[in-house]
Amino acid sequence: MFCPICSFEQEEFSTEMVVHPGGIKNVGNPGILVVQKVLVCSQCGLSQFTVPKAELELLTATAPNGRHLTADAS
């Protein structure tokens, strides 16, 4: 894939990251492990990844400030 910012070719890397939802209600939340591929542009540094559906549902349930993350939220 090519970078949408600088059009340089992106490289794919395997990743393990823990996403920690913000907000006071999530202070004790250990976070959600997301194992995925990330595309990184070695020219400008733009990084892109997609959160798998199961982890996305967990993130949605623990959205900061009591908001629910949905595609139709504004």
N, C-alpha and C. Protein backbone atom coordinates (compact mmCIF):
# COMPACT_ATOMS: atom_id res chain seq x y z
N MET A 1 0.84 -1.18 0.00
CA MET A 1 0.00 0.00 0.00
C MET A 1 0.88 1.24 0.00
N PHE A 2 0.31 2.30 -0.51
CA PHE A 2 1.05 3.55 -0.54
C PHE A 2 0.45 4.53 0.47
N CYS A 3 1.31 5.32 1.07
CA CYS A 3 0.91 6.29 2.09
C CYS A 3 -0.04 7.32 1.50
N PRO A 4 -1.18 7.58 2.17
CA PRO A 4 -2.12 8.57 1.66
C PRO A 4 -1.63 10.01 1.84
N ILE A 5 -0.56 10.20 2.62
CA ILE A 5 -0.04 11.55 2.84
C ILE A 5 1.07 11.89 1.85
N CYS A 6 2.07 11.00 1.75
CA CYS A 6 3.24 11.33 0.92
C CYS A 6 3.42 10.40 -0.28
N SER A 7 2.56 9.40 -0.41
CA SER A 7 2.58 8.43 -1.52
C SER A 7 3.78 7.49 -1.52
N PHE A 8 4.55 7.47 -0.45
CA PHE A 8 5.67 6.54 -0.31
C PHE A 8 5.10 5.17 0.04
N GLU A 9 5.79 4.10 -0.32
CA GLU A 9 5.28 2.76 -0.02
C GLU A 9 5.38 2.47 1.48
N GLN A 10 4.32 1.91 2.04
CA GLN A 10 4.28 1.55 3.46
C GLN A 10 4.77 0.13 3.66
N GLU A 11 5.38 -0.11 4.82
CA GLU A 11 5.84 -1.44 5.20
C GLU A 11 4.88 -2.00 6.25
N GLU A 12 4.67 -3.33 6.23
CA GLU A 12 3.77 -3.98 7.18
C GLU A 12 4.57 -4.64 8.29
N PHE A 13 4.15 -4.41 9.54
CA PHE A 13 4.79 -4.99 10.71
C PHE A 13 3.75 -5.68 11.58
N SER A 14 4.14 -6.76 12.24
CA SER A 14 3.28 -7.40 13.24
C SER A 14 3.41 -6.60 14.53
N THR A 15 2.31 -6.44 15.23
CA THR A 15 2.34 -5.66 16.47
C THR A 15 1.54 -6.33 17.57
N GLU A 16 1.87 -5.97 18.78
CA GLU A 16 1.06 -6.26 19.96
C GLU A 16 0.96 -4.94 20.70
N MET A 17 -0.24 -4.47 20.89
CA MET A 17 -0.41 -3.22 21.63
C MET A 17 -1.56 -3.37 22.61
N VAL A 18 -1.46 -2.64 23.69
CA VAL A 18 -2.53 -2.62 24.68
C VAL A 18 -3.17 -1.23 24.62
N VAL A 19 -4.47 -1.21 24.39
CA VAL A 19 -5.22 0.03 24.33
C VAL A 19 -5.89 0.23 25.68
N HIS A 20 -5.61 1.38 26.31
CA HIS A 20 -6.18 1.70 27.61
C HIS A 20 -7.25 2.77 27.44
N PRO A 21 -8.52 2.39 27.59
CA PRO A 21 -9.58 3.39 27.49
C PRO A 21 -9.42 4.44 28.59
N GLY A 22 -9.63 5.69 28.25
CA GLY A 22 -9.50 6.77 29.22
C GLY A 22 -10.73 6.91 30.08
N GLY A 23 -10.74 7.92 30.89
CA GLY A 23 -11.89 8.21 31.73
C GLY A 23 -11.77 7.58 33.10
N ILE A 24 -12.39 8.22 34.07
CA ILE A 24 -12.32 7.78 35.46
C ILE A 24 -12.92 6.39 35.65
N LYS A 25 -13.94 6.03 34.85
CA LYS A 25 -14.56 4.71 35.03
C LYS A 25 -13.62 3.59 34.61
N ASN A 26 -12.55 3.90 33.90
CA ASN A 26 -11.62 2.88 33.41
C ASN A 26 -10.28 2.87 34.14
N VAL A 27 -10.21 3.53 35.30
CA VAL A 27 -8.94 3.61 36.03
C VAL A 27 -8.39 2.21 36.34
N GLY A 28 -9.23 1.29 36.72
CA GLY A 28 -8.78 -0.06 37.06
C GLY A 28 -8.73 -1.01 35.87
N ASN A 29 -9.06 -0.52 34.69
CA ASN A 29 -9.10 -1.36 33.49
C ASN A 29 -7.68 -1.65 33.02
N PRO A 30 -7.31 -2.93 32.90
CA PRO A 30 -5.95 -3.27 32.49
C PRO A 30 -5.69 -3.01 31.01
N GLY A 31 -6.71 -2.70 30.24
CA GLY A 31 -6.54 -2.44 28.82
C GLY A 31 -6.94 -3.65 27.99
N ILE A 32 -6.93 -3.45 26.70
CA ILE A 32 -7.35 -4.49 25.76
C ILE A 32 -6.19 -4.79 24.83
N LEU A 33 -5.76 -6.04 24.80
CA LEU A 33 -4.66 -6.45 23.94
C LEU A 33 -5.16 -6.54 22.51
N VAL A 34 -4.48 -5.85 21.63
CA VAL A 34 -4.80 -5.87 20.20
C VAL A 34 -3.56 -6.37 19.47
N VAL A 35 -3.69 -7.52 18.81
CA VAL A 35 -2.60 -8.07 18.01
C VAL A 35 -3.01 -7.90 16.56
N GLN A 36 -2.22 -7.19 15.83
CA GLN A 36 -2.62 -6.84 14.48
C GLN A 36 -1.40 -6.47 13.65
N LYS A 37 -1.62 -6.23 12.41
CA LYS A 37 -0.60 -5.71 11.51
C LYS A 37 -0.73 -4.20 11.49
N VAL A 38 0.39 -3.52 11.39
CA VAL A 38 0.38 -2.07 11.27
C VAL A 38 1.17 -1.69 10.03
N LEU A 39 0.65 -0.75 9.27
CA LEU A 39 1.34 -0.22 8.11
C LEU A 39 2.06 1.04 8.53
N VAL A 40 3.36 1.13 8.23
CA VAL A 40 4.16 2.27 8.64
C VAL A 40 4.86 2.85 7.40
N CYS A 41 4.73 4.14 7.22
CA CYS A 41 5.43 4.83 6.14
C CYS A 41 6.81 5.23 6.64
N SER A 42 7.85 4.73 5.99
CA SER A 42 9.22 5.06 6.43
C SER A 42 9.64 6.45 5.98
N GLN A 43 8.82 7.11 5.18
CA GLN A 43 9.12 8.46 4.73
C GLN A 43 8.59 9.52 5.71
N CYS A 44 7.28 9.43 6.03
CA CYS A 44 6.68 10.47 6.88
C CYS A 44 6.26 9.95 8.26
N GLY A 45 6.24 8.61 8.45
CA GLY A 45 5.91 8.04 9.75
C GLY A 45 4.45 7.75 10.00
N LEU A 46 3.59 8.06 9.05
CA LEU A 46 2.17 7.75 9.23
C LEU A 46 2.01 6.26 9.48
N SER A 47 1.23 5.90 10.49
CA SER A 47 0.99 4.50 10.82
C SER A 47 -0.51 4.25 10.81
N GLN A 48 -0.91 3.08 10.26
CA GLN A 48 -2.32 2.74 10.15
C GLN A 48 -2.53 1.30 10.56
N PHE A 49 -3.65 1.06 11.27
CA PHE A 49 -4.03 -0.30 11.60
C PHE A 49 -5.53 -0.36 11.76
N THR A 50 -6.06 -1.57 11.71
CA THR A 50 -7.49 -1.79 11.90
C THR A 50 -7.66 -2.67 13.13
N VAL A 51 -8.55 -2.27 14.01
CA VAL A 51 -8.82 -3.04 15.22
C VAL A 51 -9.79 -4.17 14.87
N PRO A 52 -9.43 -5.43 15.19
CA PRO A 52 -10.33 -6.56 14.92
C PRO A 52 -11.68 -6.39 15.63
N LYS A 53 -12.72 -6.99 15.06
CA LYS A 53 -14.09 -6.80 15.56
C LYS A 53 -14.25 -7.13 17.04
N ALA A 54 -13.69 -8.23 17.51
CA ALA A 54 -13.85 -8.62 18.92
C ALA A 54 -13.26 -7.56 19.85
N GLU A 55 -12.05 -7.07 19.53
CA GLU A 55 -11.42 -6.04 20.36
C GLU A 55 -12.16 -4.72 20.22
N LEU A 56 -12.69 -4.44 19.03
CA LEU A 56 -13.45 -3.21 18.82
C LEU A 56 -14.69 -3.19 19.70
N GLU A 57 -15.35 -4.33 19.83
CA GLU A 57 -16.53 -4.41 20.70
C GLU A 57 -16.16 -4.15 22.16
N LEU A 58 -15.00 -4.66 22.59
CA LEU A 58 -14.54 -4.40 23.96
C LEU A 58 -14.24 -2.92 24.16
N LEU A 59 -13.60 -2.30 23.17
CA LEU A 59 -13.30 -0.87 23.27
C LEU A 59 -14.59 -0.05 23.30
N THR A 60 -15.55 -0.44 22.50
CA THR A 60 -16.83 0.26 22.46
C THR A 60 -17.51 0.23 23.82
N ALA A 61 -17.42 -0.90 24.50
CA ALA A 61 -18.06 -1.05 25.81
C ALA A 61 -17.37 -0.23 26.88
N THR A 62 -16.11 0.13 26.68
CA THR A 62 -15.35 0.87 27.70
C THR A 62 -14.94 2.26 27.22
N ALA A 63 -15.71 2.83 26.32
CA ALA A 63 -15.38 4.15 25.78
C ALA A 63 -15.29 5.18 26.90
N PRO A 64 -14.31 6.10 26.81
CA PRO A 64 -14.17 7.14 27.84
C PRO A 64 -15.42 8.03 27.92
N ASN A 65 -15.62 8.61 29.07
CA ASN A 65 -16.71 9.58 29.31
C ASN A 65 -18.10 9.02 29.07
N GLY A 66 -18.24 7.69 29.13
CA GLY A 66 -19.54 7.07 28.97
C GLY A 66 -20.09 7.08 27.56
N ARG A 67 -19.32 7.59 26.61
CA ARG A 67 -19.79 7.60 25.23
C ARG A 67 -19.58 6.22 24.62
N HIS A 68 -20.41 5.87 23.69
CA HIS A 68 -20.25 4.62 22.96
C HIS A 68 -19.68 4.94 21.60
N LEU A 69 -18.63 4.21 21.24
CA LEU A 69 -17.99 4.43 19.95
C LEU A 69 -18.74 3.62 18.89
N THR A 70 -19.44 4.32 18.02
CA THR A 70 -20.13 3.64 16.93
C THR A 70 -19.88 4.42 15.65
N ALA A 71 -20.10 3.77 14.54
CA ALA A 71 -19.86 4.40 13.25
C ALA A 71 -20.79 5.60 13.01
N ASP A 72 -21.99 5.57 13.63
CA ASP A 72 -22.92 6.66 13.40
C ASP A 72 -22.88 7.73 14.49
N ALA A 73 -21.94 7.61 15.44
CA ALA A 73 -21.83 8.63 16.50
C ALA A 73 -21.24 9.90 15.92
N SER A 74 -21.67 11.05 16.45
CA SER A 74 -21.12 12.31 15.97
C SER A 74 -20.43 13.07 17.07
